[in-house]
Amino acid sequence: MKEILNTLYVTKDRAYLHLDHDTIRMEVKSETPFRMPLLHLGSIVCFGDILLSPALLHRCAEDGRSVVLLDQSGRFKARIEGPMHGNVLLRQAQHSAHANAARTLSIARNVVAGKVQNCRQVLMRAGRETTNAADRERLAVAMAAHAQALMRIEQQETMDALRGCEGDAARAYFGAFDAMVLEDREAFVFHERTRRPPLDRINALLSFVYTLLRGDCVAAAEGVGLDPQVGFLHALRPGRPALALDLMEELRPILADRLVLSLINRRQIQRDDFTAREGGAISLREKARKEVIVAYQQRKQDEILHKVVVKKVPLGLIAHVQARLLARHLRGDIPDYLPYLYR
């Protein structure tokens, strides 16, 4: 089993990162508040105006360590990495499967089924925990919509129909999302999913955590030797990591959405942790971003049973396990791609 490689998240504005032998050193206004050995560092994620030395970038490229650049709001800007590695035959099999409409639809069906089932599990858990009858009813309606979607998924014969089925489930899920918010509902009001830009506090939290998860899924695909740009559910677009977005779908409910709800319901994130920007965009303040990042890293350490590999796996490794299962399917070792189902 591959160990979890740590990710260094840098949020301090105008921080300067440079290489000091086999150590990363961070300087801020002539002070050195942080050092970290490179040995167990898998990637570096920089938020906003962060400076990196050429020597550090060269070393990261040589070691296969990615550097991801995001803006202050957590929106993806660039990814810096070294030469492409991995099994060219596996990538060839991936491209061949993508060119086969039947295989693409089969993989996409299972991705959507995994996502819908995991969303339903999140709704069911919230339904058990709430004491509000009206919220319980809203959650029950959303659960029923997901149960219906699961029955319809196998019947869809085109990608458009499958995406339509997924969209119906997503609308039901986010339509009941605020019923899972237990604290300060006046501040954490939520009507619908808005992304570019997020227009309320919950959307800002969701977008931020999804950005973190997306980076992990890109790394998982590349770690197995797959092309993160060639997915099956998500359409191909220049610069879009379609396969990473596919891998995200099963993990969003359990790794991202539940984390967001926990942060709100435990009052770790509160109404004053956000700021409004021009155009109505809402974003997290720097201190709150750090709080979310720490909680996300801790959540990734939680171990859960993976029924396919029949062992407990840290949540942070589920994307790597799923990428490996997809690779086995593409090689012909197993007949179907098996999604991760949360229990």
C-alpha atoms as a PDB file:
ATOM      1  CA  MET A   1       0.000   0.000   0.000  1.00  0.00           C
ATOM      2  CA  LYS A   2       1.293   3.414  -0.934  1.00  0.00           C
ATOM      3  CA  GLU A   3       1.871   5.707   2.052  1.00  0.00           C
ATOM      4  CA  ILE A   4       0.154   9.083   2.175  1.00  0.00           C
ATOM      5  CA  LEU A   5       2.571  11.719   0.991  1.00  0.00           C
ATOM      6  CA  ASN A   6       2.061  14.996   2.807  1.00  0.00           C
ATOM      7  CA  THR A   7       0.898  18.089   0.967  1.00  0.00           C
ATOM      8  CA  LEU A   8       2.316  21.458   1.990  1.00  0.00           C
ATOM      9  CA  TYR A   9      -0.339  24.186   1.769  1.00  0.00           C
ATOM     10  CA  VAL A  10       1.126  27.702   1.756  1.00  0.00           C
ATOM     11  CA  THR A  11      -1.363  30.477   2.544  1.00  0.00           C
ATOM     12  CA  LYS A  12       0.861  33.250   3.947  1.00  0.00           C
ATOM     13  CA  ASP A  13       0.842  36.139   1.485  1.00  0.00           C
ATOM     14  CA  ARG A  14       4.277  37.063   0.043  1.00  0.00           C
ATOM     15  CA  ALA A  15       5.948  34.019   1.606  1.00  0.00           C
ATOM     16  CA  TYR A  16       9.168  32.949  -0.122  1.00  0.00           C
ATOM     17  CA  LEU A  17       9.928  29.237  -0.407  1.00  0.00           C
ATOM     18  CA  HIS A  18      13.405  28.079  -1.311  1.00  0.00           C
ATOM     19  CA  LEU A  19      15.581  24.990  -1.186  1.00  0.00           C
ATOM     20  CA  ASP A  20      18.024  24.527   1.689  1.00  0.00           C
ATOM     21  CA  HIS A  21      19.841  21.240   0.995  1.00  0.00           C
ATOM     22  CA  ASP A  22      17.056  18.600   1.378  1.00  0.00           C
ATOM     23  CA  THR A  23      14.720  20.969   3.190  1.00  0.00           C
ATOM     24  CA  ILE A  24      12.124  23.531   2.159  1.00  0.00           C
ATOM     25  CA  ARG A  25      12.596  26.822   3.957  1.00  0.00           C
ATOM     26  CA  MET A  26       9.910  29.498   4.120  1.00  0.00           C
ATOM     27  CA  GLU A  27      10.870  33.130   4.702  1.00  0.00           C
ATOM     28  CA  VAL A  28       8.472  35.953   5.518  1.00  0.00           C
ATOM     29  CA  LYS A  29       9.934  39.447   6.010  1.00  0.00           C
ATOM     30  CA  SER A  30      13.440  38.095   6.741  1.00  0.00           C
ATOM     31  CA  GLU A  31      12.115  35.615   9.297  1.00  0.00           C
ATOM     32  CA  THR A  32      12.056  31.822   8.924  1.00  0.00           C
ATOM     33  CA  PRO A  33       8.822  30.592  10.512  1.00  0.00           C
ATOM     34  CA  PHE A  34       8.853  27.180   8.856  1.00  0.00           C
ATOM     35  CA  ARG A  35      11.105  24.368   7.615  1.00  0.00           C
ATOM     36  CA  MET A  36      10.147  20.956   6.262  1.00  0.00           C
ATOM     37  CA  PRO A  37      12.209  18.010   4.944  1.00  0.00           C
ATOM     38  CA  LEU A  38      11.443  17.165   1.313  1.00  0.00           C
ATOM     39  CA  LEU A  39      11.631  13.411   1.914  1.00  0.00           C
ATOM     40  CA  HIS A  40       7.946  12.745   2.632  1.00  0.00           C
ATOM     41  CA  LEU A  41       6.493  15.749   0.820  1.00  0.00           C
ATOM     42  CA  GLY A  42       4.305  14.780  -2.133  1.00  0.00           C
ATOM     43  CA  SER A  43       3.200  18.173  -3.397  1.00  0.00           C
ATOM     44  CA  ILE A  44       3.114  21.912  -2.683  1.00  0.00           C
ATOM     45  CA  VAL A  45      -0.074  23.965  -3.019  1.00  0.00           C
ATOM     46  CA  CYS A  46       0.282  27.772  -3.005  1.00  0.00           C
ATOM     47  CA  PHE A  47      -2.602  30.184  -2.383  1.00  0.00           C
ATOM     48  CA  GLY A  48      -2.236  33.698  -3.752  1.00  0.00           C
ATOM     49  CA  ASP A  49       1.011  35.647  -3.991  1.00  0.00           C
ATOM     50  CA  ILE A  50       3.651  33.037  -3.065  1.00  0.00           C
ATOM     51  CA  LEU A  51       7.256  33.137  -4.318  1.00  0.00           C
ATOM     52  CA  LEU A  52       9.237  29.971  -5.126  1.00  0.00           C
ATOM     53  CA  SER A  53      12.919  29.783  -5.973  1.00  0.00           C
ATOM     54  CA  PRO A  54      14.052  28.252  -9.291  1.00  0.00           C
ATOM     55  CA  ALA A  55      16.182  25.726  -7.389  1.00  0.00           C
ATOM     56  CA  LEU A  56      13.140  24.501  -5.468  1.00  0.00           C
ATOM     57  CA  LEU A  57      11.057  24.210  -8.640  1.00  0.00           C
ATOM     58  CA  HIS A  58      13.847  22.260 -10.376  1.00  0.00           C
ATOM     59  CA  ARG A  59      14.175  19.870  -7.435  1.00  0.00           C
ATOM     60  CA  CYS A  60      10.423  19.277  -7.276  1.00  0.00           C
ATOM     61  CA  ALA A  61      10.352  18.522 -11.017  1.00  0.00           C
ATOM     62  CA  GLU A  62      13.250  16.076 -10.676  1.00  0.00           C
ATOM     63  CA  ASP A  63      11.613  14.274  -7.745  1.00  0.00           C
ATOM     64  CA  GLY A  64       8.174  14.088  -9.374  1.00  0.00           C
ATOM     65  CA  ARG A  65       6.720  16.473  -6.809  1.00  0.00           C
ATOM     66  CA  SER A  66       3.965  18.725  -8.176  1.00  0.00           C
ATOM     67  CA  VAL A  67       3.556  22.427  -7.422  1.00  0.00           C
ATOM     68  CA  VAL A  68      -0.002  23.775  -7.699  1.00  0.00           C
ATOM     69  CA  LEU A  69      -0.796  27.488  -7.940  1.00  0.00           C
ATOM     70  CA  LEU A  70      -4.200  28.759  -6.788  1.00  0.00           C
ATOM     71  CA  ASP A  71      -5.538  32.261  -6.341  1.00  0.00           C
ATOM     72  CA  GLN A  72      -6.584  33.651  -2.934  1.00  0.00           C
ATOM     73  CA  SER A  73     -10.047  32.120  -3.304  1.00  0.00           C
ATOM     74  CA  GLY A  74      -8.652  28.675  -4.059  1.00  0.00           C
ATOM     75  CA  ARG A  75      -9.373  28.740  -7.794  1.00  0.00           C
ATOM     76  CA  PHE A  76      -6.952  26.636  -9.832  1.00  0.00           C
ATOM     77  CA  LYS A  77      -4.437  28.611 -11.927  1.00  0.00           C
ATOM     78  CA  ALA A  78      -1.561  26.310 -12.858  1.00  0.00           C
ATOM     79  CA  ARG A  79       0.220  23.068 -12.087  1.00  0.00           C
ATOM     80  CA  ILE A  80       3.996  22.708 -12.451  1.00  0.00           C
ATOM     81  CA  GLU A  81       5.490  19.260 -12.821  1.00  0.00           C
ATOM     82  CA  GLY A  82       8.402  17.457 -14.427  1.00  0.00           C
ATOM     83  CA  PRO A  83       8.526  14.986 -17.330  1.00  0.00           C
ATOM     84  CA  MET A  84       5.563  12.659 -17.803  1.00  0.00           C
ATOM     85  CA  HIS A  85       6.029   9.218 -16.304  1.00  0.00           C
ATOM     86  CA  GLY A  86       3.885   6.099 -16.120  1.00  0.00           C
ATOM     87  CA  ASN A  87       3.114   3.114 -18.267  1.00  0.00           C
ATOM     88  CA  VAL A  88       2.538   4.181 -21.866  1.00  0.00           C
ATOM     89  CA  LEU A  89       0.590   0.957 -22.499  1.00  0.00           C
ATOM     90  CA  LEU A  90      -1.836   1.833 -19.694  1.00  0.00           C
ATOM     91  CA  ARG A  91      -2.377   5.297 -21.172  1.00  0.00           C
ATOM     92  CA  GLN A  92      -2.899   3.718 -24.575  1.00  0.00           C
ATOM     93  CA  ALA A  93      -5.557   1.435 -23.050  1.00  0.00           C
ATOM     94  CA  GLN A  94      -7.157   4.458 -21.389  1.00  0.00           C
ATOM     95  CA  HIS A  95      -7.356   6.371 -24.684  1.00  0.00           C
ATOM     96  CA  SER A  96      -8.696   3.279 -26.449  1.00  0.00           C
ATOM     97  CA  ALA A  97     -11.436   2.826 -23.827  1.00  0.00           C
ATOM     98  CA  HIS A  98     -12.367   6.494 -24.150  1.00  0.00           C
ATOM     99  CA  ALA A  99     -12.766   6.064 -27.914  1.00  0.00           C
ATOM    100  CA  ASN A 100     -15.158   3.149 -27.303  1.00  0.00           C
ATOM    101  CA  ALA A 101     -18.620   4.592 -26.574  1.00  0.00           C
ATOM    102  CA  ALA A 102     -19.878   1.450 -24.836  1.00  0.00           C
ATOM    103  CA  ARG A 103     -16.898   1.234 -22.471  1.00  0.00           C
ATOM    104  CA  THR A 104     -17.029   4.955 -21.729  1.00  0.00           C
ATOM    105  CA  LEU A 105     -20.722   4.692 -20.857  1.00  0.00           C
ATOM    106  CA  SER A 106     -20.105   1.618 -18.656  1.00  0.00           C
ATOM    107  CA  ILE A 107     -17.375   3.341 -16.614  1.00  0.00           C
ATOM    108  CA  ALA A 108     -19.363   6.571 -16.375  1.00  0.00           C
ATOM    109  CA  ARG A 109     -22.452   4.661 -15.172  1.00  0.00           C
ATOM    110  CA  ASN A 110     -20.520   3.190 -12.273  1.00  0.00           C
ATOM    111  CA  VAL A 111     -18.963   6.548 -11.390  1.00  0.00           C
ATOM    112  CA  VAL A 112     -22.427   8.140 -11.240  1.00  0.00           C
ATOM    113  CA  ALA A 113     -23.861   5.192  -9.301  1.00  0.00           C
ATOM    114  CA  GLY A 114     -21.078   5.525  -6.722  1.00  0.00           C
ATOM    115  CA  LYS A 115     -21.646   9.261  -6.384  1.00  0.00           C
ATOM    116  CA  VAL A 116     -25.431   8.972  -6.032  1.00  0.00           C
ATOM    117  CA  GLN A 117     -25.166   6.148  -3.492  1.00  0.00           C
ATOM    118  CA  ASN A 118     -22.639   8.086  -1.401  1.00  0.00           C
ATOM    119  CA  CYS A 119     -24.775  11.233  -1.518  1.00  0.00           C
ATOM    120  CA  ARG A 120     -27.711   9.137  -0.326  1.00  0.00           C
ATOM    121  CA  GLN A 121     -25.632   7.864   2.587  1.00  0.00           C
ATOM    122  CA  VAL A 122     -24.852  11.452   3.620  1.00  0.00           C
ATOM    123  CA  LEU A 123     -28.568  12.326   3.467  1.00  0.00           C
ATOM    124  CA  MET A 124     -29.510   9.210   5.452  1.00  0.00           C
ATOM    125  CA  ARG A 125     -27.006  10.017   8.187  1.00  0.00           C
ATOM    126  CA  ALA A 126     -28.311  13.571   8.439  1.00  0.00           C
ATOM    127  CA  GLY A 127     -31.862  12.237   8.584  1.00  0.00           C
ATOM    128  CA  ARG A 128     -30.969  10.053  11.557  1.00  0.00           C
ATOM    129  CA  GLU A 129     -29.252  12.915  13.379  1.00  0.00           C
ATOM    130  CA  THR A 130     -31.795  15.724  12.932  1.00  0.00           C
ATOM    131  CA  THR A 131     -34.510  16.436  15.499  1.00  0.00           C
ATOM    132  CA  ASN A 132     -36.392  18.807  13.185  1.00  0.00           C
ATOM    133  CA  ALA A 133     -39.437  17.159  11.588  1.00  0.00           C
ATOM    134  CA  ALA A 134     -39.515  19.523   8.597  1.00  0.00           C
ATOM    135  CA  ASP A 135     -35.807  18.882   7.886  1.00  0.00           C
ATOM    136  CA  ARG A 136     -36.340  15.145   8.201  1.00  0.00           C
ATOM    137  CA  GLU A 137     -39.112  15.329   5.626  1.00  0.00           C
ATOM    138  CA  ARG A 138     -36.973  17.321   3.175  1.00  0.00           C
ATOM    139  CA  LEU A 139     -34.125  14.841   3.577  1.00  0.00           C
ATOM    140  CA  ALA A 140     -36.527  11.919   3.047  1.00  0.00           C
ATOM    141  CA  VAL A 141     -37.712  13.442  -0.237  1.00  0.00           C
ATOM    142  CA  ALA A 142     -34.104  13.844  -1.394  1.00  0.00           C
ATOM    143  CA  MET A 143     -33.300  10.259  -0.355  1.00  0.00           C
ATOM    144  CA  ALA A 144     -36.249   8.993  -2.381  1.00  0.00           C
ATOM    145  CA  ALA A 145     -35.020  10.948  -5.415  1.00  0.00           C
ATOM    146  CA  HIS A 146     -31.605   9.305  -5.054  1.00  0.00           C
ATOM    147  CA  ALA A 147     -33.118   5.842  -4.714  1.00  0.00           C
ATOM    148  CA  GLN A 148     -35.069   6.482  -7.918  1.00  0.00           C
ATOM    149  CA  ALA A 149     -31.950   7.785  -9.664  1.00  0.00           C
ATOM    150  CA  LEU A 150     -30.040   4.617  -8.722  1.00  0.00           C
ATOM    151  CA  MET A 151     -32.721   2.504 -10.415  1.00  0.00           C
ATOM    152  CA  ARG A 152     -32.653   4.701 -13.518  1.00  0.00           C
ATOM    153  CA  ILE A 153     -28.886   4.780 -13.979  1.00  0.00           C
ATOM    154  CA  GLU A 154     -28.620   1.257 -15.416  1.00  0.00           C
ATOM    155  CA  GLN A 155     -31.305   2.053 -17.978  1.00  0.00           C
ATOM    156  CA  GLN A 156     -29.535   5.059 -19.509  1.00  0.00           C
ATOM    157  CA  GLU A 157     -28.147   4.296 -22.968  1.00  0.00           C
ATOM    158  CA  THR A 158     -26.459   7.608 -23.778  1.00  0.00           C
ATOM    159  CA  MET A 159     -24.055   9.896 -21.975  1.00  0.00           C
ATOM    160  CA  ASP A 160     -26.493  12.803 -22.181  1.00  0.00           C
ATOM    161  CA  ALA A 161     -29.228  10.731 -20.539  1.00  0.00           C
ATOM    162  CA  LEU A 162     -26.819   9.557 -17.838  1.00  0.00           C
ATOM    163  CA  ARG A 163     -25.675  13.112 -17.112  1.00  0.00           C
ATOM    164  CA  GLY A 164     -29.332  14.157 -16.962  1.00  0.00           C
ATOM    165  CA  CYS A 165     -29.976  11.461 -14.365  1.00  0.00           C
ATOM    166  CA  GLU A 166     -26.965  12.630 -12.374  1.00  0.00           C
ATOM    167  CA  GLY A 167     -28.170  16.230 -12.619  1.00  0.00           C
ATOM    168  CA  ASP A 168     -31.593  15.326 -11.222  1.00  0.00           C
ATOM    169  CA  ALA A 169     -29.971  13.649  -8.220  1.00  0.00           C
ATOM    170  CA  ALA A 170     -27.608  16.599  -7.692  1.00  0.00           C
ATOM    171  CA  ARG A 171     -30.499  19.086  -7.680  1.00  0.00           C
ATOM    172  CA  ALA A 172     -32.322  16.990  -5.071  1.00  0.00           C
ATOM    173  CA  TYR A 173     -29.143  16.704  -2.986  1.00  0.00           C
ATOM    174  CA  PHE A 174     -28.250  20.383  -2.962  1.00  0.00           C
ATOM    175  CA  GLY A 175     -31.920  21.284  -2.637  1.00  0.00           C
ATOM    176  CA  ALA A 176     -31.858  19.616   0.784  1.00  0.00           C
ATOM    177  CA  PHE A 177     -28.302  20.563   1.722  1.00  0.00           C
ATOM    178  CA  ASP A 178     -29.236  23.346   4.139  1.00  0.00           C
ATOM    179  CA  ALA A 179     -31.424  20.856   6.031  1.00  0.00           C
ATOM    180  CA  MET A 180     -28.132  19.292   7.164  1.00  0.00           C
ATOM    181  CA  VAL A 181     -26.879  22.616   8.577  1.00  0.00           C
ATOM    182  CA  LEU A 182     -27.536  22.671  12.328  1.00  0.00           C
ATOM    183  CA  GLU A 183     -25.832  25.913  13.408  1.00  0.00           C
ATOM    184  CA  ASP A 184     -26.390  29.578  12.472  1.00  0.00           C
ATOM    185  CA  ARG A 185     -28.712  28.965   9.548  1.00  0.00           C
ATOM    186  CA  GLU A 186     -29.222  32.681   9.084  1.00  0.00           C
ATOM    187  CA  ALA A 187     -25.569  33.077   8.083  1.00  0.00           C
ATOM    188  CA  PHE A 188     -25.202  29.723   6.329  1.00  0.00           C
ATOM    189  CA  VAL A 189     -28.210  30.011   4.072  1.00  0.00           C
ATOM    190  CA  PHE A 190     -27.970  27.896   0.907  1.00  0.00           C
ATOM    191  CA  HIS A 191     -30.291  27.892  -2.096  1.00  0.00           C
ATOM    192  CA  GLU A 192     -28.304  26.326  -4.920  1.00  0.00           C
ATOM    193  CA  ARG A 193     -24.789  25.393  -5.969  1.00  0.00           C
ATOM    194  CA  THR A 194     -22.918  28.413  -7.370  1.00  0.00           C
ATOM    195  CA  ARG A 195     -19.289  28.089  -8.416  1.00  0.00           C
ATOM    196  CA  ARG A 196     -17.825  30.901 -10.485  1.00  0.00           C
ATOM    197  CA  PRO A 197     -17.981  32.779  -8.227  1.00  0.00           C
ATOM    198  CA  PRO A 198     -19.448  31.234  -5.036  1.00  0.00           C
ATOM    199  CA  LEU A 199     -22.201  33.561  -3.855  1.00  0.00           C
ATOM    200  CA  ASP A 200     -22.686  32.465  -0.246  1.00  0.00           C
ATOM    201  CA  ARG A 201     -20.688  31.040   2.642  1.00  0.00           C
ATOM    202  CA  ILE A 202     -21.518  27.371   2.064  1.00  0.00           C
ATOM    203  CA  ASN A 203     -20.665  27.609  -1.633  1.00  0.00           C
ATOM    204  CA  ALA A 204     -17.365  29.275  -0.749  1.00  0.00           C
ATOM    205  CA  LEU A 205     -16.544  26.395   1.617  1.00  0.00           C
ATOM    206  CA  LEU A 206     -17.584  23.735  -0.886  1.00  0.00           C
ATOM    207  CA  SER A 207     -15.549  25.288  -3.701  1.00  0.00           C
ATOM    208  CA  PHE A 208     -12.476  25.578  -1.492  1.00  0.00           C
ATOM    209  CA  VAL A 209     -12.564  21.953  -0.304  1.00  0.00           C
ATOM    210  CA  TYR A 210     -13.379  20.692  -3.822  1.00  0.00           C
ATOM    211  CA  THR A 211     -10.223  22.457  -5.018  1.00  0.00           C
ATOM    212  CA  LEU A 212      -8.157  20.565  -2.444  1.00  0.00           C
ATOM    213  CA  LEU A 213      -9.798  17.275  -3.413  1.00  0.00           C
ATOM    214  CA  ARG A 214      -9.274  17.927  -7.113  1.00  0.00           C
ATOM    215  CA  GLY A 215      -5.528  18.281  -6.561  1.00  0.00           C
ATOM    216  CA  ASP A 216      -5.447  14.970  -4.689  1.00  0.00           C
ATOM    217  CA  CYS A 217      -7.351  13.219  -7.496  1.00  0.00           C
ATOM    218  CA  VAL A 218      -4.971  14.570 -10.158  1.00  0.00           C
ATOM    219  CA  ALA A 219      -2.081  13.201  -8.091  1.00  0.00           C
ATOM    220  CA  ALA A 220      -3.833   9.841  -7.712  1.00  0.00           C
ATOM    221  CA  ALA A 221      -4.350   9.469 -11.475  1.00  0.00           C
ATOM    222  CA  GLU A 222      -0.762  10.439 -12.237  1.00  0.00           C
ATOM    223  CA  GLY A 223       0.570   8.197  -9.484  1.00  0.00           C
ATOM    224  CA  VAL A 224      -0.968   5.154 -11.146  1.00  0.00           C
ATOM    225  CA  GLY A 225       0.228   6.216 -14.601  1.00  0.00           C
ATOM    226  CA  LEU A 226      -3.130   7.368 -15.985  1.00  0.00           C
ATOM    227  CA  ASP A 227      -3.670  10.537 -18.012  1.00  0.00           C
ATOM    228  CA  PRO A 228      -5.649  12.898 -15.719  1.00  0.00           C
ATOM    229  CA  GLN A 229      -6.949  14.807 -18.769  1.00  0.00           C
ATOM    230  CA  VAL A 230      -8.830  11.850 -20.291  1.00  0.00           C
ATOM    231  CA  GLY A 231     -11.961  11.022 -18.330  1.00  0.00           C
ATOM    232  CA  PHE A 232     -15.158   9.123 -19.037  1.00  0.00           C
ATOM    233  CA  LEU A 233     -18.021  10.959 -17.332  1.00  0.00           C
ATOM    234  CA  HIS A 234     -16.655  14.475 -17.789  1.00  0.00           C
ATOM    235  CA  ALA A 235     -16.229  15.748 -21.328  1.00  0.00           C
ATOM    236  CA  LEU A 236     -12.740  16.519 -22.605  1.00  0.00           C
ATOM    237  CA  ARG A 237     -11.748  20.190 -22.673  1.00  0.00           C
ATOM    238  CA  PRO A 238      -8.324  21.816 -22.986  1.00  0.00           C
ATOM    239  CA  GLY A 239      -6.701  22.129 -19.569  1.00  0.00           C
ATOM    240  CA  ARG A 240      -9.465  20.232 -17.794  1.00  0.00           C
ATOM    241  CA  PRO A 241      -8.420  17.183 -15.685  1.00  0.00           C
ATOM    242  CA  ALA A 242     -11.490  15.181 -16.710  1.00  0.00           C
ATOM    243  CA  LEU A 243     -10.334  11.901 -15.137  1.00  0.00           C
ATOM    244  CA  ALA A 244      -9.539  13.631 -11.829  1.00  0.00           C
ATOM    245  CA  LEU A 245     -13.043  15.119 -11.884  1.00  0.00           C
ATOM    246  CA  ASP A 246     -14.408  11.597 -12.450  1.00  0.00           C
ATOM    247  CA  LEU A 247     -12.501  10.291  -9.421  1.00  0.00           C
ATOM    248  CA  MET A 248     -13.795  13.209  -7.362  1.00  0.00           C
ATOM    249  CA  GLU A 249     -17.444  12.328  -7.868  1.00  0.00           C
ATOM    250  CA  GLU A 250     -17.505   9.331  -5.502  1.00  0.00           C
ATOM    251  CA  LEU A 251     -15.437  11.167  -2.871  1.00  0.00           C
ATOM    252  CA  ARG A 252     -17.126  14.561  -2.792  1.00  0.00           C
ATOM    253  CA  PRO A 253     -20.019  13.539  -0.508  1.00  0.00           C
ATOM    254  CA  ILE A 254     -17.922  11.708   2.081  1.00  0.00           C
ATOM    255  CA  LEU A 255     -14.651  13.629   2.049  1.00  0.00           C
ATOM    256  CA  ALA A 256     -15.702  17.162   1.107  1.00  0.00           C
ATOM    257  CA  ASP A 257     -19.410  17.680   1.829  1.00  0.00           C
ATOM    258  CA  ARG A 258     -19.385  15.993   5.225  1.00  0.00           C
ATOM    259  CA  LEU A 259     -16.291  17.964   6.169  1.00  0.00           C
ATOM    260  CA  VAL A 260     -18.000  21.239   5.263  1.00  0.00           C
ATOM    261  CA  LEU A 261     -21.061  20.311   7.313  1.00  0.00           C
ATOM    262  CA  SER A 262     -18.910  19.285  10.288  1.00  0.00           C
ATOM    263  CA  LEU A 263     -16.964  22.548  10.204  1.00  0.00           C
ATOM    264  CA  ILE A 264     -20.196  24.540  10.294  1.00  0.00           C
ATOM    265  CA  ASN A 265     -22.076  22.371  12.780  1.00  0.00           C
ATOM    266  CA  ARG A 266     -19.137  22.254  15.205  1.00  0.00           C
ATOM    267  CA  ARG A 267     -18.711  26.027  14.818  1.00  0.00           C
ATOM    268  CA  GLN A 268     -15.111  25.634  13.684  1.00  0.00           C
ATOM    269  CA  ILE A 269     -16.036  27.951  10.817  1.00  0.00           C
ATOM    270  CA  GLN A 270     -18.339  30.869  11.607  1.00  0.00           C
ATOM    271  CA  ARG A 271     -20.021  33.737   9.781  1.00  0.00           C
ATOM    272  CA  ASP A 272     -17.125  36.179  10.334  1.00  0.00           C
ATOM    273  CA  ASP A 273     -14.633  33.841   8.619  1.00  0.00           C
ATOM    274  CA  PHE A 274     -15.723  35.087   5.187  1.00  0.00           C
ATOM    275  CA  THR A 275     -15.285  38.233   3.157  1.00  0.00           C
ATOM    276  CA  ALA A 276     -17.312  39.662   0.279  1.00  0.00           C
ATOM    277  CA  ARG A 277     -15.535  40.609  -2.915  1.00  0.00           C
ATOM    278  CA  GLU A 278     -16.448  42.742  -5.900  1.00  0.00           C
ATOM    279  CA  GLY A 279     -19.230  41.211  -7.967  1.00  0.00           C
ATOM    280  CA  GLY A 280     -20.848  39.405  -5.032  1.00  0.00           C
ATOM    281  CA  ALA A 281     -18.240  36.667  -4.615  1.00  0.00           C
ATOM    282  CA  ILE A 282     -17.751  35.259  -1.118  1.00  0.00           C
ATOM    283  CA  SER A 283     -14.388  33.838  -0.044  1.00  0.00           C
ATOM    284  CA  LEU A 284     -12.700  32.503   3.078  1.00  0.00           C
ATOM    285  CA  ARG A 285     -10.349  34.682   5.100  1.00  0.00           C
ATOM    286  CA  GLU A 286      -6.764  33.495   5.499  1.00  0.00           C
ATOM    287  CA  LYS A 287      -7.192  32.223   9.068  1.00  0.00           C
ATOM    288  CA  ALA A 288     -10.286  30.243   8.072  1.00  0.00           C
ATOM    289  CA  ARG A 289      -8.487  28.722   5.062  1.00  0.00           C
ATOM    290  CA  LYS A 290      -5.838  27.383   7.420  1.00  0.00           C
ATOM    291  CA  GLU A 291      -8.543  25.938   9.682  1.00  0.00           C
ATOM    292  CA  VAL A 292     -10.172  24.164   6.737  1.00  0.00           C
ATOM    293  CA  ILE A 293      -6.851  22.829   5.433  1.00  0.00           C
ATOM    294  CA  VAL A 294      -5.936  21.365   8.837  1.00  0.00           C
ATOM    295  CA  ALA A 295      -9.381  19.753   9.155  1.00  0.00           C
ATOM    296  CA  TYR A 296      -9.132  18.375   5.605  1.00  0.00           C
ATOM    297  CA  GLN A 297      -5.727  16.817   6.278  1.00  0.00           C
ATOM    298  CA  GLN A 298      -7.023  15.282   9.511  1.00  0.00           C
ATOM    299  CA  ARG A 299     -10.100  13.925   7.742  1.00  0.00           C
ATOM    300  CA  LYS A 300      -7.840  12.204   5.199  1.00  0.00           C
ATOM    301  CA  GLN A 301      -6.247  10.215   8.025  1.00  0.00           C
ATOM    302  CA  ASP A 302      -9.567   8.606   9.058  1.00  0.00           C
ATOM    303  CA  GLU A 303      -9.601   4.912   8.198  1.00  0.00           C
ATOM    304  CA  ILE A 304     -12.647   3.315   6.602  1.00  0.00           C
ATOM    305  CA  LEU A 305     -13.317  -0.164   5.258  1.00  0.00           C
ATOM    306  CA  HIS A 306     -12.898  -0.531   1.497  1.00  0.00           C
ATOM    307  CA  LYS A 307     -15.040  -3.516   0.566  1.00  0.00           C
ATOM    308  CA  VAL A 308     -13.308  -4.194  -2.741  1.00  0.00           C
ATOM    309  CA  VAL A 309      -9.774  -4.469  -1.364  1.00  0.00           C
ATOM    310  CA  VAL A 310     -11.228  -5.827   1.911  1.00  0.00           C
ATOM    311  CA  LYS A 311      -9.134  -3.746   4.284  1.00  0.00           C
ATOM    312  CA  LYS A 312      -9.223  -0.476   6.143  1.00  0.00           C
ATOM    313  CA  VAL A 313      -7.830   2.396   4.098  1.00  0.00           C
ATOM    314  CA  PRO A 314      -7.223   6.036   5.100  1.00  0.00           C
ATOM    315  CA  LEU A 315      -9.654   8.339   3.318  1.00  0.00           C
ATOM    316  CA  GLY A 316      -6.674  10.132   1.816  1.00  0.00           C
ATOM    317  CA  LEU A 317      -5.770   6.978  -0.106  1.00  0.00           C
ATOM    318  CA  ILE A 318      -9.221   6.160  -1.507  1.00  0.00           C
ATOM    319  CA  ALA A 319      -8.557   8.177  -4.678  1.00  0.00           C
ATOM    320  CA  HIS A 320      -5.317   6.202  -5.212  1.00  0.00           C
ATOM    321  CA  VAL A 321      -7.137   2.887  -4.682  1.00  0.00           C
ATOM    322  CA  GLN A 322      -9.885   3.890  -7.120  1.00  0.00           C
ATOM    323  CA  ALA A 323      -7.353   5.003  -9.728  1.00  0.00           C
ATOM    324  CA  ARG A 324      -5.641   1.626  -9.376  1.00  0.00           C
ATOM    325  CA  LEU A 325      -8.959  -0.225  -9.761  1.00  0.00           C
ATOM    326  CA  LEU A 326      -9.681   1.795 -12.902  1.00  0.00           C
ATOM    327  CA  ALA A 327      -6.222   0.937 -14.256  1.00  0.00           C
ATOM    328  CA  ARG A 328      -6.889  -2.773 -13.624  1.00  0.00           C
ATOM    329  CA  HIS A 329     -10.171  -2.516 -15.528  1.00  0.00           C
ATOM    330  CA  LEU A 330      -8.561  -0.692 -18.441  1.00  0.00           C
ATOM    331  CA  ARG A 331      -5.883  -3.406 -18.655  1.00  0.00           C
ATOM    332  CA  GLY A 332      -8.593  -6.075 -18.709  1.00  0.00           C
ATOM    333  CA  ASP A 333      -7.739  -7.559 -15.301  1.00  0.00           C
ATOM    334  CA  ILE A 334     -11.275  -6.997 -13.953  1.00  0.00           C
ATOM    335  CA  PRO A 335     -14.490  -6.802 -16.016  1.00  0.00           C
ATOM    336  CA  ASP A 336     -15.857  -3.539 -14.585  1.00  0.00           C
ATOM    337  CA  TYR A 337     -14.734  -0.411 -12.802  1.00  0.00           C
ATOM    338  CA  LEU A 338     -15.920  -0.781  -9.206  1.00  0.00           C
ATOM    339  CA  PRO A 339     -16.793   2.534  -7.507  1.00  0.00           C
ATOM    340  CA  TYR A 340     -16.122   3.210  -3.842  1.00  0.00           C
ATOM    341  CA  LEU A 341     -19.331   2.875  -1.823  1.00  0.00           C
ATOM    342  CA  TYR A 342     -19.444   4.473   1.608  1.00  0.00           C
ATOM    343  CA  ARG A 343     -21.172   2.714   4.485  1.00  0.00           C
END
